[in-house]
Amino acid sequence: MTLHAAPRRTAVLLPLLIDLGLPLAVFYGLRTAGVDQWWSLLWSAAVPAVTVTVRLVRTRRVDFLALLILSMITLGLVLSALTGDARTLLIREAWTGMLGGLLGIWLLASVGYGRPALMVVFRSFVRAKAGEEGLRAWEERWEQDPAFRRGVRVLTAVWGTASLLNALAQLACAYLLPVDAAPAAMNLSWPVIAAPLFVFHLVYTKRHGLRA
């Protein structure tokens, strides 16, 4: 392990722990203190808005995805405040998560038409790792290598299925579970799905030579 490995790992894991763990800590902390379900959910839902805003201020860079997330969270909080119902707030969270479901549908639909969407999604990662020349070489393999095309289609289908499955799991948790149990289940659904997904991705891309 290099001296820089630990700081890099911390830089990757810390935002993940904040995004997943902090809203849960706020919700269950408030519930333990006797705050009702609706207010606990409302304050826990506000946490992602605060973290996104802090990141925008710290980086001083316009991140359109972050702005989209912030806008959706703000709109959801306003709508939830009008209803005053804890279950409605949970369902709002779940339907916001359906953006991932739309991403999954986009990925699956792209498998049979032109270049799979994963070729677009991963361009920035390939560029960061291999530079512009490496990116061009990686993209040229699509035209020249049938095995590469087949492998990217398989990866895209797997990622699309996982994204859609997570969105459906979020909806099921919001509609069916008790309000106090649903936040934990909704926050854990993606890590549970993502862990085997990432293992499959790493093994498959290495075995089939799909990495840049």
C-alpha atoms as a PDB file:
ATOM      1  CA  MET A   1       0.000   0.000   0.000  1.00  0.00           C
ATOM      2  CA  THR A   2       1.387   3.429  -0.930  1.00  0.00           C
ATOM      3  CA  LEU A   3       1.529   6.341   1.471  1.00  0.00           C
ATOM      4  CA  HIS A   4      -1.138   8.125  -0.539  1.00  0.00           C
ATOM      5  CA  ALA A   5      -3.582   5.192  -0.630  1.00  0.00           C
ATOM      6  CA  ALA A   6      -5.163   5.876   2.763  1.00  0.00           C
ATOM      7  CA  PRO A   7      -5.911   9.581   2.086  1.00  0.00           C
ATOM      8  CA  ARG A   8      -7.392   8.670  -1.320  1.00  0.00           C
ATOM      9  CA  ARG A   9      -9.550   5.976   0.266  1.00  0.00           C
ATOM     10  CA  THR A  10     -10.703   8.404   2.945  1.00  0.00           C
ATOM     11  CA  ALA A  11     -11.556  10.999   0.289  1.00  0.00           C
ATOM     12  CA  VAL A  12     -13.761   8.455  -1.469  1.00  0.00           C
ATOM     13  CA  LEU A  13     -15.401   6.908   1.591  1.00  0.00           C
ATOM     14  CA  LEU A  14     -16.056  10.066   3.631  1.00  0.00           C
ATOM     15  CA  PRO A  15     -18.660  11.600   1.252  1.00  0.00           C
ATOM     16  CA  LEU A  16     -20.334   8.178   1.014  1.00  0.00           C
ATOM     17  CA  LEU A  17     -20.547   7.879   4.791  1.00  0.00           C
ATOM     18  CA  ILE A  18     -21.918  11.407   5.049  1.00  0.00           C
ATOM     19  CA  ASP A  19     -24.520  10.900   2.311  1.00  0.00           C
ATOM     20  CA  LEU A  20     -25.727   7.552   3.662  1.00  0.00           C
ATOM     21  CA  GLY A  21     -25.036   7.728   7.366  1.00  0.00           C
ATOM     22  CA  LEU A  22     -25.747  11.310   8.369  1.00  0.00           C
ATOM     23  CA  PRO A  23     -29.431  11.423   7.334  1.00  0.00           C
ATOM     24  CA  LEU A  24     -30.034   8.146   9.200  1.00  0.00           C
ATOM     25  CA  ALA A  25     -28.204   9.432  12.260  1.00  0.00           C
ATOM     26  CA  VAL A  26     -30.330  12.593  12.249  1.00  0.00           C
ATOM     27  CA  PHE A  27     -33.591  10.668  11.800  1.00  0.00           C
ATOM     28  CA  TYR A  28     -33.011   8.031  14.466  1.00  0.00           C
ATOM     29  CA  GLY A  29     -31.356  10.491  16.802  1.00  0.00           C
ATOM     30  CA  LEU A  30     -34.411  12.734  16.679  1.00  0.00           C
ATOM     31  CA  ARG A  31     -36.763   9.764  17.065  1.00  0.00           C
ATOM     32  CA  THR A  32     -34.826   8.639  20.139  1.00  0.00           C
ATOM     33  CA  ALA A  33     -35.182  12.158  21.528  1.00  0.00           C
ATOM     34  CA  GLY A  34     -38.957  11.905  21.123  1.00  0.00           C
ATOM     35  CA  VAL A  35     -39.411  14.004  17.965  1.00  0.00           C
ATOM     36  CA  ASP A  36     -42.336  12.821  15.849  1.00  0.00           C
ATOM     37  CA  GLN A  37     -41.853  10.927  12.581  1.00  0.00           C
ATOM     38  CA  TRP A  38     -42.681  13.788  10.221  1.00  0.00           C
ATOM     39  CA  TRP A  39     -40.257  16.307  11.746  1.00  0.00           C
ATOM     40  CA  SER A  40     -37.549  13.651  12.038  1.00  0.00           C
ATOM     41  CA  LEU A  41     -37.944  12.744   8.368  1.00  0.00           C
ATOM     42  CA  LEU A  42     -38.037  16.394   7.350  1.00  0.00           C
ATOM     43  CA  TRP A  43     -34.777  17.233   9.122  1.00  0.00           C
ATOM     44  CA  SER A  44     -33.063  14.094   7.847  1.00  0.00           C
ATOM     45  CA  ALA A  45     -34.194  14.939   4.302  1.00  0.00           C
ATOM     46  CA  ALA A  46     -32.668  18.409   4.689  1.00  0.00           C
ATOM     47  CA  VAL A  47     -29.210  16.919   5.362  1.00  0.00           C
ATOM     48  CA  PRO A  48     -28.442  16.105   1.672  1.00  0.00           C
ATOM     49  CA  ALA A  49     -29.445  19.652   0.712  1.00  0.00           C
ATOM     50  CA  VAL A  50     -26.945  21.046   3.209  1.00  0.00           C
ATOM     51  CA  THR A  51     -24.117  18.714   2.115  1.00  0.00           C
ATOM     52  CA  VAL A  52     -24.677  19.486  -1.581  1.00  0.00           C
ATOM     53  CA  THR A  53     -24.676  23.224  -0.840  1.00  0.00           C
ATOM     54  CA  VAL A  54     -21.460  22.968   1.198  1.00  0.00           C
ATOM     55  CA  ARG A  55     -19.737  21.092  -1.634  1.00  0.00           C
ATOM     56  CA  LEU A  56     -20.818  23.703  -4.166  1.00  0.00           C
ATOM     57  CA  VAL A  57     -19.460  26.487  -1.957  1.00  0.00           C
ATOM     58  CA  ARG A  58     -16.185  24.653  -1.228  1.00  0.00           C
ATOM     59  CA  THR A  59     -15.411  23.698  -4.833  1.00  0.00           C
ATOM     60  CA  ARG A  60     -16.671  27.012  -6.264  1.00  0.00           C
ATOM     61  CA  ARG A  61     -17.611  25.076  -9.361  1.00  0.00           C
ATOM     62  CA  VAL A  62     -21.033  24.864 -10.987  1.00  0.00           C
ATOM     63  CA  ASP A  63     -22.061  21.219 -10.801  1.00  0.00           C
ATOM     64  CA  PHE A  64     -25.308  20.843 -12.741  1.00  0.00           C
ATOM     65  CA  LEU A  65     -26.015  17.404 -11.265  1.00  0.00           C
ATOM     66  CA  ALA A  66     -25.590  18.810  -7.764  1.00  0.00           C
ATOM     67  CA  LEU A  67     -27.868  21.724  -8.637  1.00  0.00           C
ATOM     68  CA  LEU A  68     -30.486  19.312  -9.970  1.00  0.00           C
ATOM     69  CA  ILE A  69     -30.318  17.241  -6.780  1.00  0.00           C
ATOM     70  CA  LEU A  70     -30.526  20.378  -4.634  1.00  0.00           C
ATOM     71  CA  SER A  71     -33.525  21.678  -6.604  1.00  0.00           C
ATOM     72  CA  MET A  72     -35.368  18.364  -6.295  1.00  0.00           C
ATOM     73  CA  ILE A  73     -34.683  18.108  -2.564  1.00  0.00           C
ATOM     74  CA  THR A  74     -35.877  21.680  -2.008  1.00  0.00           C
ATOM     75  CA  LEU A  75     -39.041  21.125  -4.049  1.00  0.00           C
ATOM     76  CA  GLY A  76     -39.711  17.872  -2.211  1.00  0.00           C
ATOM     77  CA  LEU A  77     -39.278  19.530   1.184  1.00  0.00           C
ATOM     78  CA  VAL A  78     -41.700  22.301   0.229  1.00  0.00           C
ATOM     79  CA  LEU A  79     -44.310  19.829  -1.023  1.00  0.00           C
ATOM     80  CA  SER A  80     -43.862  17.654   2.044  1.00  0.00           C
ATOM     81  CA  ALA A  81     -44.276  20.668   4.325  1.00  0.00           C
ATOM     82  CA  LEU A  82     -47.646  21.322   2.700  1.00  0.00           C
ATOM     83  CA  THR A  83     -48.895  17.800   3.419  1.00  0.00           C
ATOM     84  CA  GLY A  84     -47.560  17.301   6.943  1.00  0.00           C
ATOM     85  CA  ASP A  85     -47.671  13.518   6.539  1.00  0.00           C
ATOM     86  CA  ALA A  86     -44.686  11.267   7.320  1.00  0.00           C
ATOM     87  CA  ARG A  87     -45.649   8.562   4.807  1.00  0.00           C
ATOM     88  CA  THR A  88     -45.989  11.191   2.058  1.00  0.00           C
ATOM     89  CA  LEU A  89     -42.506  12.450   2.862  1.00  0.00           C
ATOM     90  CA  LEU A  90     -41.118   8.912   2.569  1.00  0.00           C
ATOM     91  CA  ILE A  91     -42.880   8.377  -0.755  1.00  0.00           C
ATOM     92  CA  ARG A  92     -41.516  11.697  -2.000  1.00  0.00           C
ATOM     93  CA  GLU A  93     -38.016  10.455  -1.167  1.00  0.00           C
ATOM     94  CA  ALA A  94     -38.680   7.214  -3.025  1.00  0.00           C
ATOM     95  CA  TRP A  95     -39.992   8.941  -6.137  1.00  0.00           C
ATOM     96  CA  THR A  96     -36.948  11.220  -6.131  1.00  0.00           C
ATOM     97  CA  GLY A  97     -34.926   7.995  -6.175  1.00  0.00           C
ATOM     98  CA  MET A  98     -36.802   6.995  -9.332  1.00  0.00           C
ATOM     99  CA  LEU A  99     -34.288   9.175 -11.181  1.00  0.00           C
ATOM    100  CA  GLY A 100     -32.016   6.174 -10.745  1.00  0.00           C
ATOM    101  CA  GLY A 101     -34.785   4.053 -12.223  1.00  0.00           C
ATOM    102  CA  LEU A 102     -34.938   6.315 -15.270  1.00  0.00           C
ATOM    103  CA  LEU A 103     -31.171   5.959 -15.568  1.00  0.00           C
ATOM    104  CA  GLY A 104     -31.614   2.191 -15.444  1.00  0.00           C
ATOM    105  CA  ILE A 105     -34.245   2.293 -18.192  1.00  0.00           C
ATOM    106  CA  TRP A 106     -31.949   4.492 -20.298  1.00  0.00           C
ATOM    107  CA  LEU A 107     -29.079   2.054 -19.833  1.00  0.00           C
ATOM    108  CA  LEU A 108     -31.199  -0.982 -20.697  1.00  0.00           C
ATOM    109  CA  ALA A 109     -32.784   0.706 -23.717  1.00  0.00           C
ATOM    110  CA  SER A 110     -29.375   1.686 -25.075  1.00  0.00           C
ATOM    111  CA  VAL A 111     -28.117  -1.914 -25.147  1.00  0.00           C
ATOM    112  CA  GLY A 112     -29.946  -2.690 -28.374  1.00  0.00           C
ATOM    113  CA  TYR A 113     -29.566   0.675 -30.085  1.00  0.00           C
ATOM    114  CA  GLY A 114     -26.247   2.219 -31.123  1.00  0.00           C
ATOM    115  CA  ARG A 115     -23.563   2.560 -28.506  1.00  0.00           C
ATOM    116  CA  PRO A 116     -24.573   1.483 -24.985  1.00  0.00           C
ATOM    117  CA  ALA A 117     -25.040   4.372 -22.588  1.00  0.00           C
ATOM    118  CA  LEU A 118     -22.208   3.114 -20.411  1.00  0.00           C
ATOM    119  CA  MET A 119     -19.826   4.293 -23.128  1.00  0.00           C
ATOM    120  CA  VAL A 120     -21.076   7.826 -22.402  1.00  0.00           C
ATOM    121  CA  VAL A 121     -21.218   7.467 -18.607  1.00  0.00           C
ATOM    122  CA  PHE A 122     -17.651   6.162 -18.305  1.00  0.00           C
ATOM    123  CA  ARG A 123     -15.969   8.590 -20.742  1.00  0.00           C
ATOM    124  CA  SER A 124     -14.886  10.968 -17.967  1.00  0.00           C
ATOM    125  CA  PHE A 125     -13.442   8.098 -15.902  1.00  0.00           C
ATOM    126  CA  VAL A 126     -11.476   6.766 -18.871  1.00  0.00           C
ATOM    127  CA  ARG A 127     -10.216  10.260 -19.730  1.00  0.00           C
ATOM    128  CA  ALA A 128      -9.080  10.846 -16.131  1.00  0.00           C
ATOM    129  CA  LYS A 129      -7.254   7.518 -16.062  1.00  0.00           C
ATOM    130  CA  ALA A 130      -5.787   7.281 -19.577  1.00  0.00           C
ATOM    131  CA  GLY A 131      -5.875  10.826 -20.982  1.00  0.00           C
ATOM    132  CA  GLU A 132      -7.279  11.925 -24.329  1.00  0.00           C
ATOM    133  CA  GLU A 133      -5.225   9.420 -26.348  1.00  0.00           C
ATOM    134  CA  GLY A 134      -6.296   6.586 -24.074  1.00  0.00           C
ATOM    135  CA  LEU A 135      -9.918   7.661 -24.411  1.00  0.00           C
ATOM    136  CA  ARG A 136      -9.687   7.676 -28.207  1.00  0.00           C
ATOM    137  CA  ALA A 137      -8.098   4.222 -28.195  1.00  0.00           C
ATOM    138  CA  TRP A 138     -10.778   2.936 -25.815  1.00  0.00           C
ATOM    139  CA  GLU A 139     -13.573   4.281 -28.019  1.00  0.00           C
ATOM    140  CA  GLU A 140     -11.965   2.955 -31.198  1.00  0.00           C
ATOM    141  CA  ARG A 141     -12.222  -0.548 -29.780  1.00  0.00           C
ATOM    142  CA  TRP A 142     -15.984  -0.253 -30.182  1.00  0.00           C
ATOM    143  CA  GLU A 143     -15.553  -0.084 -33.954  1.00  0.00           C
ATOM    144  CA  GLN A 144     -12.839  -2.720 -34.206  1.00  0.00           C
ATOM    145  CA  ASP A 145     -13.453  -5.368 -31.529  1.00  0.00           C
ATOM    146  CA  PRO A 146     -16.696  -7.445 -31.439  1.00  0.00           C
ATOM    147  CA  ALA A 147     -15.756  -8.924 -28.044  1.00  0.00           C
ATOM    148  CA  PHE A 148     -15.387  -5.405 -26.627  1.00  0.00           C
ATOM    149  CA  ARG A 149     -18.843  -4.449 -27.961  1.00  0.00           C
ATOM    150  CA  ARG A 150     -20.399  -7.552 -26.448  1.00  0.00           C
ATOM    151  CA  GLY A 151     -18.696  -6.936 -23.094  1.00  0.00           C
ATOM    152  CA  VAL A 152     -19.823  -3.302 -22.888  1.00  0.00           C
ATOM    153  CA  ARG A 153     -23.387  -4.346 -23.711  1.00  0.00           C
ATOM    154  CA  VAL A 154     -23.343  -6.927 -20.919  1.00  0.00           C
ATOM    155  CA  LEU A 155     -21.980  -4.370 -18.439  1.00  0.00           C
ATOM    156  CA  THR A 156     -24.573  -1.812 -19.483  1.00  0.00           C
ATOM    157  CA  ALA A 157     -27.400  -4.317 -19.057  1.00  0.00           C
ATOM    158  CA  VAL A 158     -26.156  -5.286 -15.588  1.00  0.00           C
ATOM    159  CA  TRP A 159     -25.795  -1.662 -14.451  1.00  0.00           C
ATOM    160  CA  GLY A 160     -29.214  -0.807 -15.866  1.00  0.00           C
ATOM    161  CA  THR A 161     -30.856  -3.729 -14.096  1.00  0.00           C
ATOM    162  CA  ALA A 162     -29.195  -2.815 -10.790  1.00  0.00           C
ATOM    163  CA  SER A 163     -30.286   0.842 -11.062  1.00  0.00           C
ATOM    164  CA  LEU A 164     -33.877  -0.109 -11.860  1.00  0.00           C
ATOM    165  CA  LEU A 165     -33.956  -2.704  -9.075  1.00  0.00           C
ATOM    166  CA  ASN A 166     -32.778  -0.121  -6.554  1.00  0.00           C
ATOM    167  CA  ALA A 167     -35.476   2.343  -7.599  1.00  0.00           C
ATOM    168  CA  LEU A 168     -38.187  -0.314  -7.240  1.00  0.00           C
ATOM    169  CA  ALA A 169     -36.801  -1.365  -3.846  1.00  0.00           C
ATOM    170  CA  GLN A 170     -36.985   2.264  -2.685  1.00  0.00           C
ATOM    171  CA  LEU A 171     -40.644   2.484  -3.682  1.00  0.00           C
ATOM    172  CA  ALA A 172     -41.485  -0.822  -2.001  1.00  0.00           C
ATOM    173  CA  CYS A 173     -39.830   0.290   1.245  1.00  0.00           C
ATOM    174  CA  ALA A 174     -41.610   3.651   1.242  1.00  0.00           C
ATOM    175  CA  TYR A 175     -45.052   2.170   0.616  1.00  0.00           C
ATOM    176  CA  LEU A 176     -44.904  -1.064   2.613  1.00  0.00           C
ATOM    177  CA  LEU A 177     -42.586  -0.735   5.615  1.00  0.00           C
ATOM    178  CA  PRO A 178     -43.388   0.986   8.918  1.00  0.00           C
ATOM    179  CA  VAL A 179     -42.324   4.623   8.841  1.00  0.00           C
ATOM    180  CA  ASP A 180     -39.622   4.121  11.490  1.00  0.00           C
ATOM    181  CA  ALA A 181     -38.083   1.180   9.598  1.00  0.00           C
ATOM    182  CA  ALA A 182     -38.314   2.578   6.064  1.00  0.00           C
ATOM    183  CA  PRO A 183     -35.467   5.175   6.159  1.00  0.00           C
ATOM    184  CA  ALA A 184     -32.867   2.568   7.138  1.00  0.00           C
ATOM    185  CA  ALA A 185     -34.099   0.128   4.490  1.00  0.00           C
ATOM    186  CA  MET A 186     -34.203   2.830   1.803  1.00  0.00           C
ATOM    187  CA  ASN A 187     -30.665   3.988   2.585  1.00  0.00           C
ATOM    188  CA  LEU A 188     -29.306   0.445   2.686  1.00  0.00           C
ATOM    189  CA  SER A 189     -30.922  -0.775  -0.542  1.00  0.00           C
ATOM    190  CA  TRP A 190     -28.299   0.742  -2.853  1.00  0.00           C
ATOM    191  CA  PRO A 191     -25.225  -0.421  -0.847  1.00  0.00           C
ATOM    192  CA  VAL A 192     -26.696  -3.934  -0.751  1.00  0.00           C
ATOM    193  CA  ILE A 193     -27.185  -3.890  -4.522  1.00  0.00           C
ATOM    194  CA  ALA A 194     -23.993  -1.969  -5.306  1.00  0.00           C
ATOM    195  CA  ALA A 195     -21.573  -4.240  -3.416  1.00  0.00           C
ATOM    196  CA  PRO A 196     -22.043  -7.287  -5.691  1.00  0.00           C
ATOM    197  CA  LEU A 197     -22.438  -4.958  -8.673  1.00  0.00           C
ATOM    198  CA  PHE A 198     -18.987  -3.418  -8.162  1.00  0.00           C
ATOM    199  CA  VAL A 199     -17.406  -6.827  -7.559  1.00  0.00           C
ATOM    200  CA  PHE A 200     -18.945  -8.098 -10.792  1.00  0.00           C
ATOM    201  CA  HIS A 201     -17.803  -4.968 -12.641  1.00  0.00           C
ATOM    202  CA  LEU A 202     -14.199  -5.263 -11.475  1.00  0.00           C
ATOM    203  CA  VAL A 203     -13.969  -8.985 -12.205  1.00  0.00           C
ATOM    204  CA  TYR A 204     -15.757  -8.786 -15.560  1.00  0.00           C
ATOM    205  CA  THR A 205     -13.825  -5.797 -16.902  1.00  0.00           C
ATOM    206  CA  LYS A 206     -10.491  -7.378 -15.935  1.00  0.00           C
ATOM    207  CA  ARG A 207     -11.366 -10.820 -17.300  1.00  0.00           C
ATOM    208  CA  HIS A 208     -12.605  -9.457 -20.630  1.00  0.00           C
ATOM    209  CA  GLY A 209     -10.020  -6.690 -21.066  1.00  0.00           C
ATOM    210  CA  LEU A 210     -12.529  -3.829 -20.993  1.00  0.00           C
ATOM    211  CA  ARG A 211     -10.473  -1.419 -18.935  1.00  0.00           C
ATOM    212  CA  ALA A 212      -8.746   1.594 -20.453  1.00  0.00           C
END
